[in-house]
Each structure stands twice: as C-alpha cells, then as structure tokens.
Amino acid sequence: MIFESHAHYEDRKFDSDRIELLSNMKKKNIGTIINVGTTLELSRASIALSHEYDFIYAAIGVHPSDIECLEEAESAMGGKPETDDAGQTAESHDGIVQLRNIAVSEKKVVAIGEIGLDFYWEKDEAVRERQRYWYREQLALARELELPVIIHSREANEETFNIMKEAAAAGTRGVIHCYSGSPDMAEQYVKLGYYIGIGGVVTFKNGKKLKETAKRIPLENILVETDCPYMAPEPFRGERNDSTFLPYIIKEIAELREITVDEVMEVTRENGRRLFGITADDRR
C-alpha cells in the first residue's frame, strides 16, 4: 500500500466526486493519506475528513499566503492573547490558540502544516515579515505539541533552510513539502534529519533538479506526495491531481535510482509512518 504524504481533499475541486474517489482509495492501493490544512477553516475540514475515513489523518496549519486568517483571529480578540497568573494563554479567538486546542483535542492530528514562506506570490517586504512571524509561531506550536511540521517554501529556499536549521537544533522534525531547492541543499536537510517531499514535478522533463535530488538523497528520507488537486505528474500534467497518480511518481523515482517500484513504495510508506507516528494497524 502507498503512503500519500500531502493531499488537499477538502478542496472545492473535489466537491463533485469526493466521496466516490476517497471510497475507492484502498482498491487503488492507497493505504494512508495525510490531508493538509492551509487555513483555520480548512484545517477543520481536514479533521472532518479524518473522522469519515480511517485511512486519512490531518495536518493543521496556515499557509503563508493565508496568514490573514490568523491576523483576523488575533484582531478579533484585541491583540496578543493574555496569559493568566501561571503564564498560560487565556482562552480566546487567537488563531494559534485555536490550532493548539484542535491539536490537543483531536487524536488524528499528526502534524502542523502546511506552514512556511512564499515569496513567489508576495513581493511586499512588510507582508513577508508577517509571513516570517507566523511561520515561527507555528514552528513553536509544533515544538510545544511535539508534532512534526510540513514546510512550504517557494522562492525562499535559503531563508527557509536557515530557519529549519535553527528548528532542527530545537528538536523539530518534519518534511520539506514539494521540494524545489538544489540537490546539495536537500542533502543538508537530510543531515538535519528532515524528509524531502517528492511529487509530480519529478516526472517533468524540466524537473532536472528534483530528479537529481531523488537520485542523490537516501531513500529513507523521501516521502511521496501529490499536493492534489495540484501538480499532476506526467502524463496527466495540467489535469486535476489525486492520490491514484502516485504510482507514476514512484515509478520515476525507482527508475532514477535503478531499484524496484516495490522498494520505493515500501520504504516511503515506512518513512511516512515513522515521521507521522502512524503504526501499520493504527485506525484512531
């Protein structure tokens, strides 16, 4: 069975056939799916899916392009959350408090994500600084809860690496999702103990950096992902993506490394279980 480390089945692109698609995943050899939130609302939707399907687990967090929902939550309670005499954060509408409360109360929350930096869409330095702030706040939450993180980084490779180097020193575990950096940087992430998320780009003709990364880093540090409904692999590039396309990614990695498809499938499955703390018979 295949371990899907990054999907967005709460996305509206699945509204027409979500139930049918997810109900058939096991028949398509998809054994586990990590469904990843990008806003407070969609993090709750991710948890709802995990309640409906025993093979779906939830990651909760706020994407750098969606930090407004955290700022709105903070504004609604009048600024930073107050603390009581014991130094504990008071109950409020603060977004980080909401994420904390969800994670503590929901057993199928297995990660904080996706969080990080996106400088591709955002050029305003003031907004970039806000992204950095909320990135670090969510990293701190993950450390507090002893949960791994799922990291988004677009055109912010060096800065993301520096932040994650600090985080690793503090004990943070996680995966660099939809990896777009150099093979050399990937090897540095591996030395820090992180996993590298490899998706559909590895099948593209122009995906040379990712192909080289998939060849060079240890298989024990690779997770396979779709990021569906986005980033469909060849020969489906441009179409709506879903987890049943993962075999195309696995096949490409196997060919690049000159090993069997079964080996890639089995090792990446165990990698996912190890990072997210999911045992073979775990149906929480």
C-alpha atoms as a PDB file:
ATOM      1  CA  MET A   1       0.000   0.000   0.000  1.00  0.00           C
ATOM      2  CA  ILE A   2       1.136   3.561  -0.794  1.00  0.00           C
ATOM      3  CA  PHE A   3       1.572   6.355   1.759  1.00  0.00           C
ATOM      4  CA  GLU A   4       0.313   9.722   0.428  1.00  0.00           C
ATOM      5  CA  SER A   5       2.100  12.368   2.497  1.00  0.00           C
ATOM      6  CA  HIS A   6       0.384  15.519   1.192  1.00  0.00           C
ATOM      7  CA  ALA A   7      -3.139  15.986  -0.194  1.00  0.00           C
ATOM      8  CA  HIS A   8      -5.934  18.574  -0.086  1.00  0.00           C
ATOM      9  CA  TYR A   9      -9.188  16.641  -0.451  1.00  0.00           C
ATOM     10  CA  GLU A  10     -11.108  19.416   1.264  1.00  0.00           C
ATOM     11  CA  ASP A  11     -10.502  21.495  -1.889  1.00  0.00           C
ATOM     12  CA  ARG A  12     -13.586  22.509  -3.873  1.00  0.00           C
ATOM     13  CA  LYS A  13     -12.187  20.795  -6.957  1.00  0.00           C
ATOM     14  CA  PHE A  14     -13.244  17.514  -5.320  1.00  0.00           C
ATOM     15  CA  ASP A  15     -16.794  18.582  -4.457  1.00  0.00           C
ATOM     16  CA  SER A  16     -18.387  16.692  -7.352  1.00  0.00           C
ATOM     17  CA  ASP A  17     -16.871  13.257  -6.643  1.00  0.00           C
ATOM     18  CA  ARG A  18     -15.047  13.376  -3.286  1.00  0.00           C
ATOM     19  CA  ILE A  19     -16.995  10.539  -1.655  1.00  0.00           C
ATOM     20  CA  GLU A  20     -16.663   8.214  -4.630  1.00  0.00           C
ATOM     21  CA  LEU A  21     -12.958   8.992  -5.058  1.00  0.00           C
ATOM     22  CA  LEU A  22     -11.997   8.509  -1.409  1.00  0.00           C
ATOM     23  CA  SER A  23     -14.166   5.413  -1.006  1.00  0.00           C
ATOM     24  CA  ASN A  24     -12.127   3.686  -3.702  1.00  0.00           C
ATOM     25  CA  MET A  25      -8.645   4.628  -2.481  1.00  0.00           C
ATOM     26  CA  LYS A  26      -7.870   1.305  -0.833  1.00  0.00           C
ATOM     27  CA  LYS A  27      -8.882  -0.527  -4.009  1.00  0.00           C
ATOM     28  CA  LYS A  28      -6.308   1.661  -5.799  1.00  0.00           C
ATOM     29  CA  ASN A  29      -3.579   0.630  -3.336  1.00  0.00           C
ATOM     30  CA  ILE A  30      -3.572   3.921  -1.397  1.00  0.00           C
ATOM     31  CA  GLY A  31      -3.246   2.905   2.246  1.00  0.00           C
ATOM     32  CA  THR A  32      -2.754   6.201   4.139  1.00  0.00           C
ATOM     33  CA  ILE A  33      -3.379   9.865   3.295  1.00  0.00           C
ATOM     34  CA  ILE A  34      -2.195  12.936   5.184  1.00  0.00           C
ATOM     35  CA  ASN A  35      -4.740  15.663   4.397  1.00  0.00           C
ATOM     36  CA  VAL A  36      -3.164  19.057   4.935  1.00  0.00           C
ATOM     37  CA  GLY A  37      -4.854  22.263   6.083  1.00  0.00           C
ATOM     38  CA  THR A  38      -3.930  25.703   4.780  1.00  0.00           C
ATOM     39  CA  THR A  39      -6.288  27.944   6.803  1.00  0.00           C
ATOM     40  CA  LEU A  40      -8.098  27.624  10.147  1.00  0.00           C
ATOM     41  CA  GLU A  41     -11.302  26.725   8.332  1.00  0.00           C
ATOM     42  CA  LEU A  42      -9.676  24.206   6.002  1.00  0.00           C
ATOM     43  CA  SER A  43      -7.745  22.661   8.887  1.00  0.00           C
ATOM     44  CA  ARG A  44     -11.107  21.885  10.471  1.00  0.00           C
ATOM     45  CA  ALA A  45     -12.302  20.478   7.147  1.00  0.00           C
ATOM     46  CA  SER A  46      -9.221  18.265   7.060  1.00  0.00           C
ATOM     47  CA  ILE A  47     -10.080  16.913  10.502  1.00  0.00           C
ATOM     48  CA  ALA A  48     -13.666  16.275   9.389  1.00  0.00           C
ATOM     49  CA  LEU A  49     -12.352  14.093   6.569  1.00  0.00           C
ATOM     50  CA  SER A  50     -10.165  12.187   9.026  1.00  0.00           C
ATOM     51  CA  HIS A  51     -13.310  11.371  11.025  1.00  0.00           C
ATOM     52  CA  GLU A  52     -15.034   9.979   7.946  1.00  0.00           C
ATOM     53  CA  TYR A  53     -12.185   7.793   6.642  1.00  0.00           C
ATOM     54  CA  ASP A  54      -9.992   5.619   8.830  1.00  0.00           C
ATOM     55  CA  PHE A  55      -7.006   5.938   6.461  1.00  0.00           C
ATOM     56  CA  ILE A  56      -6.990   9.753   6.449  1.00  0.00           C
ATOM     57  CA  TYR A  57      -5.021  11.745   9.036  1.00  0.00           C
ATOM     58  CA  ALA A  58      -4.964  15.512   9.420  1.00  0.00           C
ATOM     59  CA  ALA A  59      -2.278  18.166   9.418  1.00  0.00           C
ATOM     60  CA  ILE A  60      -3.433  21.555  10.668  1.00  0.00           C
ATOM     61  CA  GLY A  61      -1.804  24.887   9.985  1.00  0.00           C
ATOM     62  CA  VAL A  62      -1.890  28.097   7.996  1.00  0.00           C
ATOM     63  CA  HIS A  63      -0.154  28.508   4.636  1.00  0.00           C
ATOM     64  CA  PRO A  64       1.991  31.667   4.263  1.00  0.00           C
ATOM     65  CA  SER A  65      -0.374  33.016   1.611  1.00  0.00           C
ATOM     66  CA  ASP A  66      -3.312  32.693   4.020  1.00  0.00           C
ATOM     67  CA  ILE A  67      -1.934  34.319   7.186  1.00  0.00           C
ATOM     68  CA  GLU A  68      -4.776  36.835   7.108  1.00  0.00           C
ATOM     69  CA  CYS A  69      -6.970  34.307   8.907  1.00  0.00           C
ATOM     70  CA  LEU A  70      -4.510  34.240  11.809  1.00  0.00           C
ATOM     71  CA  GLU A  71      -4.304  38.020  11.881  1.00  0.00           C
ATOM     72  CA  GLU A  72      -8.080  38.340  11.780  1.00  0.00           C
ATOM     73  CA  ALA A  73      -8.383  35.890  14.667  1.00  0.00           C
ATOM     74  CA  GLU A  74      -5.852  37.885  16.680  1.00  0.00           C
ATOM     75  CA  SER A  75      -7.608  41.157  15.870  1.00  0.00           C
ATOM     76  CA  ALA A  76     -10.958  39.708  16.946  1.00  0.00           C
ATOM     77  CA  MET A  77      -9.639  39.196  20.477  1.00  0.00           C
ATOM     78  CA  GLY A  78      -7.926  42.589  20.652  1.00  0.00           C
ATOM     79  CA  GLY A  79      -4.278  41.807  20.039  1.00  0.00           C
ATOM     80  CA  LYS A  80      -1.962  39.248  21.573  1.00  0.00           C
ATOM     81  CA  PRO A  81      -3.609  36.629  23.821  1.00  0.00           C
ATOM     82  CA  GLU A  82      -3.499  37.416  27.512  1.00  0.00           C
ATOM     83  CA  THR A  83      -1.984  34.990  29.997  1.00  0.00           C
ATOM     84  CA  ASP A  84      -3.130  34.023  33.478  1.00  0.00           C
ATOM     85  CA  ASP A  85      -1.011  34.080  36.657  1.00  0.00           C
ATOM     86  CA  ALA A  86       0.537  30.737  35.737  1.00  0.00           C
ATOM     87  CA  GLY A  87       1.644  32.071  32.399  1.00  0.00           C
ATOM     88  CA  GLN A  88      -0.869  30.006  30.426  1.00  0.00           C
ATOM     89  CA  THR A  89      -2.523  31.525  27.377  1.00  0.00           C
ATOM     90  CA  ALA A  90      -6.088  32.547  28.137  1.00  0.00           C
ATOM     91  CA  GLU A  91      -8.930  31.088  26.089  1.00  0.00           C
ATOM     92  CA  SER A  92      -9.554  33.414  23.151  1.00  0.00           C
ATOM     93  CA  HIS A  93     -10.132  33.630  19.414  1.00  0.00           C
ATOM     94  CA  ASP A  94      -6.401  33.841  18.748  1.00  0.00           C
ATOM     95  CA  GLY A  95      -5.500  31.652  15.764  1.00  0.00           C
ATOM     96  CA  ILE A  96      -2.547  29.906  17.415  1.00  0.00           C
ATOM     97  CA  VAL A  97      -4.718  29.096  20.424  1.00  0.00           C
ATOM     98  CA  GLN A  98      -7.340  27.663  18.088  1.00  0.00           C
ATOM     99  CA  LEU A  99      -4.739  25.454  16.394  1.00  0.00           C
ATOM    100  CA  ARG A 100      -3.403  24.325  19.760  1.00  0.00           C
ATOM    101  CA  ASN A 101      -6.854  23.437  21.070  1.00  0.00           C
ATOM    102  CA  ILE A 102      -7.703  21.500  17.907  1.00  0.00           C
ATOM    103  CA  ALA A 103      -4.457  19.531  18.013  1.00  0.00           C
ATOM    104  CA  VAL A 104      -4.845  18.645  21.678  1.00  0.00           C
ATOM    105  CA  SER A 105      -8.451  17.503  21.292  1.00  0.00           C
ATOM    106  CA  GLU A 106      -8.133  15.587  18.004  1.00  0.00           C
ATOM    107  CA  LYS A 107      -6.206  12.296  18.071  1.00  0.00           C
ATOM    108  CA  LYS A 108      -5.881  12.155  14.281  1.00  0.00           C
ATOM    109  CA  VAL A 109      -3.919  15.406  14.052  1.00  0.00           C
ATOM    110  CA  VAL A 110      -0.413  14.191  13.196  1.00  0.00           C
ATOM    111  CA  ALA A 111       1.400  17.364  12.068  1.00  0.00           C
ATOM    112  CA  ILE A 112       1.419  21.157  11.929  1.00  0.00           C
ATOM    113  CA  GLY A 113       1.270  22.272   8.320  1.00  0.00           C
ATOM    114  CA  GLU A 114       1.459  23.461   5.828  1.00  0.00           C
ATOM    115  CA  ILE A 115       3.448  26.389   7.082  1.00  0.00           C
ATOM    116  CA  GLY A 116       6.419  28.337   5.766  1.00  0.00           C
ATOM    117  CA  LEU A 117       7.332  31.121   3.353  1.00  0.00           C
ATOM    118  CA  ASP A 118       6.079  32.007  -0.127  1.00  0.00           C
ATOM    119  CA  PHE A 119       7.996  34.826  -1.782  1.00  0.00           C
ATOM    120  CA  TYR A 120       6.858  33.872  -5.292  1.00  0.00           C
ATOM    121  CA  TRP A 121       3.449  35.477  -4.862  1.00  0.00           C
ATOM    122  CA  GLU A 122       4.374  38.007  -2.199  1.00  0.00           C
ATOM    123  CA  LYS A 123       6.877  40.774  -3.036  1.00  0.00           C
ATOM    124  CA  ASP A 124       5.926  43.256  -0.293  1.00  0.00           C
ATOM    125  CA  GLU A 125       8.619  43.118   2.394  1.00  0.00           C
ATOM    126  CA  ALA A 126       6.143  44.053   5.121  1.00  0.00           C
ATOM    127  CA  VAL A 127       3.944  41.078   4.233  1.00  0.00           C
ATOM    128  CA  ARG A 128       6.987  38.827   4.004  1.00  0.00           C
ATOM    129  CA  GLU A 129       7.891  39.851   7.536  1.00  0.00           C
ATOM    130  CA  ARG A 130       4.399  38.852   8.690  1.00  0.00           C
ATOM    131  CA  GLN A 131       4.892  35.501   6.980  1.00  0.00           C
ATOM    132  CA  ARG A 132       8.113  35.023   8.956  1.00  0.00           C
ATOM    133  CA  TYR A 133       6.333  35.873  12.209  1.00  0.00           C
ATOM    134  CA  TRP A 134       3.516  33.365  11.742  1.00  0.00           C
ATOM    135  CA  TYR A 135       5.920  30.731  10.428  1.00  0.00           C
ATOM    136  CA  ARG A 136       7.932  30.929  13.634  1.00  0.00           C
ATOM    137  CA  GLU A 137       4.786  30.989  15.790  1.00  0.00           C
ATOM    138  CA  GLN A 138       3.573  27.768  14.200  1.00  0.00           C
ATOM    139  CA  LEU A 139       7.003  26.157  14.486  1.00  0.00           C
ATOM    140  CA  ALA A 140       6.910  26.995  18.193  1.00  0.00           C
ATOM    141  CA  LEU A 141       3.475  25.383  18.461  1.00  0.00           C
ATOM    142  CA  ALA A 142       4.762  22.219  16.806  1.00  0.00           C
ATOM    143  CA  ARG A 143       7.659  22.065  19.283  1.00  0.00           C
ATOM    144  CA  GLU A 144       5.265  22.558  22.180  1.00  0.00           C
ATOM    145  CA  LEU A 145       2.990  19.762  20.965  1.00  0.00           C
ATOM    146  CA  GLU A 146       5.893  17.534  19.849  1.00  0.00           C
ATOM    147  CA  LEU A 147       4.417  17.244  16.362  1.00  0.00           C
ATOM    148  CA  PRO A 148       6.304  17.199  13.050  1.00  0.00           C
ATOM    149  CA  VAL A 149       5.912  20.042  10.569  1.00  0.00           C
ATOM    150  CA  ILE A 150       5.069  20.200   6.875  1.00  0.00           C
ATOM    151  CA  ILE A 151       7.018  23.050   5.292  1.00  0.00           C
ATOM    152  CA  HIS A 152       6.054  25.115   2.245  1.00  0.00           C
ATOM    153  CA  SER A 153       8.889  27.094   0.657  1.00  0.00           C
ATOM    154  CA  ARG A 154       8.675  28.919  -2.653  1.00  0.00           C
ATOM    155  CA  GLU A 155      11.443  31.258  -3.807  1.00  0.00           C
ATOM    156  CA  ALA A 156      12.610  31.397  -0.199  1.00  0.00           C
ATOM    157  CA  ASN A 157      14.952  28.415  -0.158  1.00  0.00           C
ATOM    158  CA  GLU A 158      17.915  29.906   1.686  1.00  0.00           C
ATOM    159  CA  GLU A 159      15.841  31.652   4.339  1.00  0.00           C
ATOM    160  CA  THR A 160      13.663  28.581   4.878  1.00  0.00           C
ATOM    161  CA  PHE A 161      16.751  26.424   5.289  1.00  0.00           C
ATOM    162  CA  ASN A 162      18.242  28.777   7.882  1.00  0.00           C
ATOM    163  CA  ILE A 163      15.013  28.771   9.888  1.00  0.00           C
ATOM    164  CA  MET A 164      14.738  24.984   9.698  1.00  0.00           C
ATOM    165  CA  LYS A 165      18.364  24.600  10.750  1.00  0.00           C
ATOM    166  CA  GLU A 166      17.503  26.507  13.928  1.00  0.00           C
ATOM    167  CA  ALA A 167      14.349  24.428  14.330  1.00  0.00           C
ATOM    168  CA  ALA A 168      16.271  21.162  13.974  1.00  0.00           C
ATOM    169  CA  ALA A 169      18.602  22.241  16.775  1.00  0.00           C
ATOM    170  CA  ALA A 170      15.498  22.637  18.949  1.00  0.00           C
ATOM    171  CA  GLY A 171      14.303  19.134  18.092  1.00  0.00           C
ATOM    172  CA  THR A 172      11.830  19.843  15.292  1.00  0.00           C
ATOM    173  CA  ARG A 173      11.080  17.014  12.839  1.00  0.00           C
ATOM    174  CA  GLY A 174       9.328  17.356   9.500  1.00  0.00           C
ATOM    175  CA  VAL A 175       9.208  17.277   5.730  1.00  0.00           C
ATOM    176  CA  ILE A 176      10.088  19.925   3.172  1.00  0.00           C
ATOM    177  CA  HIS A 177       6.991  19.641   1.011  1.00  0.00           C
ATOM    178  CA  CYS A 178       7.070  19.887  -2.787  1.00  0.00           C
ATOM    179  CA  TYR A 179      10.824  20.294  -2.672  1.00  0.00           C
ATOM    180  CA  SER A 180      12.185  22.854  -5.148  1.00  0.00           C
ATOM    181  CA  GLY A 181      15.703  23.535  -3.919  1.00  0.00           C
ATOM    182  CA  SER A 182      19.029  22.185  -5.090  1.00  0.00           C
ATOM    183  CA  PRO A 183      20.231  18.612  -4.556  1.00  0.00           C
ATOM    184  CA  ASP A 184      23.035  19.983  -2.377  1.00  0.00           C
ATOM    185  CA  MET A 185      20.553  21.752  -0.098  1.00  0.00           C
ATOM    186  CA  ALA A 186      18.417  18.588   0.050  1.00  0.00           C
ATOM    187  CA  GLU A 187      21.462  16.714   1.336  1.00  0.00           C
ATOM    188  CA  GLN A 188      21.895  19.374   4.020  1.00  0.00           C
ATOM    189  CA  TYR A 189      18.250  18.983   5.062  1.00  0.00           C
ATOM    190  CA  VAL A 190      18.801  15.232   5.328  1.00  0.00           C
ATOM    191  CA  LYS A 191      21.798  15.799   7.601  1.00  0.00           C
ATOM    192  CA  LEU A 192      19.479  17.811   9.848  1.00  0.00           C
ATOM    193  CA  GLY A 193      17.066  14.874   9.986  1.00  0.00           C
ATOM    194  CA  TYR A 194      14.350  16.155   7.656  1.00  0.00           C
ATOM    195  CA  TYR A 195      12.432  14.349   4.947  1.00  0.00           C
ATOM    196  CA  ILE A 196      12.077  15.590   1.370  1.00  0.00           C
ATOM    197  CA  GLY A 197       8.627  15.536  -0.246  1.00  0.00           C
ATOM    198  CA  ILE A 198       8.744  14.486  -3.908  1.00  0.00           C
ATOM    199  CA  GLY A 199       5.725  14.913  -6.166  1.00  0.00           C
ATOM    200  CA  GLY A 200       4.707  15.194  -9.780  1.00  0.00           C
ATOM    201  CA  VAL A 201       7.495  17.584 -10.802  1.00  0.00           C
ATOM    202  CA  VAL A 202       9.939  14.657 -10.694  1.00  0.00           C
ATOM    203  CA  THR A 203       8.194  13.274 -13.816  1.00  0.00           C
ATOM    204  CA  PHE A 204       8.503  16.539 -15.786  1.00  0.00           C
ATOM    205  CA  LYS A 205      11.160  16.861 -18.463  1.00  0.00           C
ATOM    206  CA  ASN A 206      12.224  20.180 -16.952  1.00  0.00           C
ATOM    207  CA  GLY A 207      12.333  18.758 -13.414  1.00  0.00           C
ATOM    208  CA  LYS A 208      16.081  18.136 -13.586  1.00  0.00           C
ATOM    209  CA  LYS A 209      16.941  19.429 -10.102  1.00  0.00           C
ATOM    210  CA  LEU A 210      14.302  17.273  -8.456  1.00  0.00           C
ATOM    211  CA  LYS A 211      15.309  14.226 -10.493  1.00  0.00           C
ATOM    212  CA  GLU A 212      18.884  14.661  -9.282  1.00  0.00           C
ATOM    213  CA  THR A 213      17.662  15.122  -5.709  1.00  0.00           C
ATOM    214  CA  ALA A 214      15.608  11.913  -5.945  1.00  0.00           C
ATOM    215  CA  LYS A 215      18.757  10.062  -7.067  1.00  0.00           C
ATOM    216  CA  ARG A 216      21.172  11.508  -4.501  1.00  0.00           C
ATOM    217  CA  ILE A 217      19.479  11.593  -1.133  1.00  0.00           C
ATOM    218  CA  PRO A 218      18.825   8.423   0.881  1.00  0.00           C
ATOM    219  CA  LEU A 219      15.547   6.706   0.063  1.00  0.00           C
ATOM    220  CA  GLU A 220      14.948   6.630   3.827  1.00  0.00           C
ATOM    221  CA  ASN A 221      14.483  10.420   3.704  1.00  0.00           C
ATOM    222  CA  ILE A 222      11.975  10.562   0.838  1.00  0.00           C
ATOM    223  CA  LEU A 223       8.203  10.916   1.104  1.00  0.00           C
ATOM    224  CA  VAL A 224       5.958  10.712  -1.954  1.00  0.00           C
ATOM    225  CA  GLU A 225       3.134  13.211  -2.351  1.00  0.00           C
ATOM    226  CA  THR A 226       0.678  14.583  -4.878  1.00  0.00           C
ATOM    227  CA  ASP A 227      -0.265  18.003  -3.422  1.00  0.00           C
ATOM    228  CA  CYS A 228      -3.563  17.191  -5.105  1.00  0.00           C
ATOM    229  CA  PRO A 229      -5.594  18.648  -6.713  1.00  0.00           C
ATOM    230  CA  TYR A 230      -2.455  20.427  -7.980  1.00  0.00           C
ATOM    231  CA  MET A 231       0.791  19.316  -9.655  1.00  0.00           C
ATOM    232  CA  ALA A 232      -0.366  16.206 -11.522  1.00  0.00           C
ATOM    233  CA  PRO A 233       2.505  14.072 -12.871  1.00  0.00           C
ATOM    234  CA  GLU A 234       3.097  13.196 -16.479  1.00  0.00           C
ATOM    235  CA  PRO A 235       1.145  12.063 -18.481  1.00  0.00           C
ATOM    236  CA  PHE A 236      -1.624  13.971 -16.625  1.00  0.00           C
ATOM    237  CA  ARG A 237       0.134  17.329 -16.294  1.00  0.00           C
ATOM    238  CA  GLY A 238      -2.422  20.147 -16.203  1.00  0.00           C
ATOM    239  CA  GLU A 239      -5.269  17.893 -15.075  1.00  0.00           C
ATOM    240  CA  ARG A 240      -6.760  17.587 -11.596  1.00  0.00           C
ATOM    241  CA  ASN A 241      -4.407  15.502  -9.497  1.00  0.00           C
ATOM    242  CA  ASP A 242      -5.313  12.808  -6.953  1.00  0.00           C
ATOM    243  CA  SER A 243      -3.554  10.104  -4.960  1.00  0.00           C
ATOM    244  CA  THR A 244      -4.186   7.396  -7.552  1.00  0.00           C
ATOM    245  CA  PHE A 245      -1.479   9.086  -9.664  1.00  0.00           C
ATOM    246  CA  LEU A 246       1.205   8.332  -7.052  1.00  0.00           C
ATOM    247  CA  PRO A 247       2.379   5.175  -8.885  1.00  0.00           C
ATOM    248  CA  TYR A 248       3.710   7.423 -11.682  1.00  0.00           C
ATOM    249  CA  ILE A 249       5.846   9.304  -9.159  1.00  0.00           C
ATOM    250  CA  ILE A 250       7.018   6.098  -7.522  1.00  0.00           C
ATOM    251  CA  LYS A 251       7.906   4.589 -10.889  1.00  0.00           C
ATOM    252  CA  GLU A 252      10.002   7.627 -11.824  1.00  0.00           C
ATOM    253  CA  ILE A 253      11.904   7.519  -8.531  1.00  0.00           C
ATOM    254  CA  ALA A 254      12.509   3.788  -8.966  1.00  0.00           C
ATOM    255  CA  GLU A 255      13.894   4.296 -12.470  1.00  0.00           C
ATOM    256  CA  LEU A 256      16.120   7.176 -11.382  1.00  0.00           C
ATOM    257  CA  ARG A 257      17.569   5.105  -8.540  1.00  0.00           C
ATOM    258  CA  GLU A 258      17.635   1.867 -10.532  1.00  0.00           C
ATOM    259  CA  ILE A 259      15.659  -0.043  -7.916  1.00  0.00           C
ATOM    260  CA  THR A 260      12.223  -1.682  -7.895  1.00  0.00           C
ATOM    261  CA  VAL A 261       8.887   0.072  -7.620  1.00  0.00           C
ATOM    262  CA  ASP A 262       8.067  -2.142  -4.634  1.00  0.00           C
ATOM    263  CA  GLU A 263      11.169  -0.951  -2.786  1.00  0.00           C
ATOM    264  CA  VAL A 264      10.263   2.718  -3.295  1.00  0.00           C
ATOM    265  CA  MET A 265       6.679   2.073  -2.239  1.00  0.00           C
ATOM    266  CA  GLU A 266       7.626   0.107   0.868  1.00  0.00           C
ATOM    267  CA  VAL A 267      10.397   2.391   2.110  1.00  0.00           C
ATOM    268  CA  THR A 268       8.449   5.625   1.565  1.00  0.00           C
ATOM    269  CA  ARG A 269       5.459   4.059   3.328  1.00  0.00           C
ATOM    270  CA  GLU A 270       7.581   3.265   6.382  1.00  0.00           C
ATOM    271  CA  ASN A 271       9.105   6.754   6.223  1.00  0.00           C
ATOM    272  CA  GLY A 272       5.643   8.288   6.400  1.00  0.00           C
ATOM    273  CA  ARG A 273       4.543   6.080   9.256  1.00  0.00           C
ATOM    274  CA  ARG A 274       7.713   6.906  11.173  1.00  0.00           C
ATOM    275  CA  LEU A 275       7.503  10.685  10.703  1.00  0.00           C
ATOM    276  CA  PHE A 276       3.796  10.994  11.474  1.00  0.00           C
ATOM    277  CA  GLY A 277       3.665   8.329  14.175  1.00  0.00           C
ATOM    278  CA  ILE A 278       1.208   6.027  12.418  1.00  0.00           C
ATOM    279  CA  THR A 279       1.533   2.285  13.014  1.00  0.00           C
ATOM    280  CA  ALA A 280       0.506  -0.331  10.462  1.00  0.00           C
ATOM    281  CA  ASP A 281      -2.701  -1.186  12.327  1.00  0.00           C
ATOM    282  CA  ASP A 282      -3.411   2.298  13.671  1.00  0.00           C
ATOM    283  CA  ARG A 283      -7.019   3.320  12.964  1.00  0.00           C
ATOM    284  CA  ARG A 284      -7.616   6.025  15.556  1.00  0.00           C
END
